[in-house]
Amino acid sequence: MILEVAILNVKTGQSKAFEENFKKAERIITSMKGYVSHDLKKCIEEVDKYILLVNWKTIEDHEIGFRQSEKYQEWKALLHHFYEPFPTVEHYK
């Protein structure tokens, strides 16, 4: 199993809208081949900061199966405009 880790810095004051859109985006990611589970946590010290943890069966399920899918375009449209700066995504085993 692979753990995807992303620190999400949301634009100031946009946390509520981000969380609403994330609820919609969850339906996308949970439907993907190789998806195992995910957790989104809000930072205590920084108001508009989150950590996203996603477990995938393989790195290819994330990098190819998800990121190269049509559904990823929906994910992008729902979430990517909230980030400043755009997050770095890392994988752990």
Protein backbone atom coordinates (compact mmCIF):
# COMPACT_ATOMS: atom_id res chain seq x y z
CA MET A 1 0.00 0.00 0.00
CA ILE A 2 1.12 3.56 -0.78
CA LEU A 3 0.33 6.65 1.29
CA GLU A 4 -0.12 9.89 -0.63
CA VAL A 5 0.58 12.95 1.55
CA ALA A 6 -0.29 16.53 0.57
CA ILE A 7 -0.13 19.66 2.69
CA LEU A 8 -2.90 21.95 1.43
CA ASN A 9 -2.56 25.68 2.00
CA VAL A 10 -5.96 27.13 1.19
CA LYS A 11 -6.27 30.79 0.22
CA THR A 12 -7.11 33.00 3.18
CA GLY A 13 -10.78 32.91 4.09
CA GLN A 14 -11.63 30.12 1.63
CA SER A 15 -11.68 27.19 4.08
CA LYS A 16 -15.47 26.86 4.28
CA ALA A 17 -15.88 26.80 0.49
CA PHE A 18 -12.93 24.40 0.19
CA GLU A 19 -14.50 21.99 2.70
CA GLU A 20 -17.84 22.12 0.86
CA ASN A 21 -16.15 21.35 -2.46
CA PHE A 22 -14.03 18.63 -0.87
CA LYS A 23 -17.22 16.82 0.18
CA LYS A 24 -18.19 16.70 -3.50
CA ALA A 25 -14.67 15.68 -4.55
CA GLU A 26 -14.66 12.77 -2.08
CA ARG A 27 -17.19 10.99 -4.29
CA ILE A 28 -14.71 11.14 -7.14
CA ILE A 29 -11.65 9.81 -5.35
CA THR A 30 -13.50 7.05 -3.50
CA SER A 31 -14.73 5.67 -6.84
CA MET A 32 -11.24 5.25 -8.31
CA LYS A 33 -9.56 1.89 -8.92
CA GLY A 34 -6.93 1.23 -6.27
CA TYR A 35 -8.35 3.72 -3.76
CA VAL A 36 -8.24 2.35 -0.22
CA SER A 37 -9.04 5.24 2.16
CA HIS A 38 -8.43 8.91 2.85
CA ASP A 39 -8.38 11.43 5.66
CA LEU A 40 -8.47 15.21 5.52
CA LYS A 41 -7.34 16.98 8.69
CA LYS A 42 -7.54 20.70 9.47
CA CYS A 43 -4.49 22.28 11.08
CA ILE A 44 -4.95 23.61 14.60
CA GLU A 45 -2.21 26.26 14.43
CA GLU A 46 -2.92 27.61 10.94
CA VAL A 47 -6.54 28.36 10.06
CA ASP A 48 -6.46 27.70 6.31
CA LYS A 49 -4.11 24.70 6.29
CA TYR A 50 -4.96 20.99 5.87
CA ILE A 51 -3.24 17.66 5.39
CA LEU A 52 -4.66 15.13 2.97
CA LEU A 53 -3.70 11.48 3.42
CA VAL A 54 -4.80 8.98 0.78
CA ASN A 55 -4.04 5.27 0.80
CA TRP A 56 -3.71 3.65 -2.63
CA LYS A 57 -3.02 0.02 -3.50
CA THR A 58 -0.17 1.10 -5.82
CA ILE A 59 1.53 4.34 -6.81
CA GLU A 60 0.30 3.71 -10.37
CA ASP A 61 -3.30 3.76 -9.13
CA HIS A 62 -2.70 7.35 -8.02
CA GLU A 63 -0.25 8.67 -10.60
CA ILE A 64 -1.78 7.04 -13.68
CA GLY A 65 -5.22 5.66 -12.84
CA PHE A 66 -6.41 8.76 -10.99
CA ARG A 67 -4.34 11.64 -12.33
CA GLN A 68 -4.77 10.65 -15.96
CA SER A 69 -8.50 10.00 -15.70
CA GLU A 70 -11.41 12.16 -16.83
CA LYS A 71 -12.63 12.20 -13.23
CA TYR A 72 -9.39 13.92 -12.22
CA GLN A 73 -10.43 16.89 -14.34
CA GLU A 74 -13.57 17.17 -12.17
CA TRP A 75 -11.41 16.90 -9.02
CA LYS A 76 -9.16 19.65 -10.36
CA ALA A 77 -12.08 21.94 -11.16
CA LEU A 78 -13.52 21.50 -7.67
CA LEU A 79 -10.32 21.96 -5.66
CA HIS A 80 -7.20 23.27 -7.38
CA HIS A 81 -8.23 26.93 -7.43
CA PHE A 82 -8.22 26.99 -3.61
CA TYR A 83 -4.48 26.31 -3.19
CA GLU A 84 -1.81 28.95 -2.67
CA PRO A 85 0.86 27.76 -3.26
CA PHE A 86 0.00 24.60 -5.13
CA PRO A 87 0.79 21.59 -2.90
CA THR A 88 3.67 19.21 -3.24
CA VAL A 89 2.47 15.61 -3.16
CA GLU A 90 4.68 12.87 -1.78
CA HIS A 91 4.28 9.10 -1.55
CA TYR A 92 5.31 6.83 1.32
CA LYS A 93 5.40 3.07 1.76
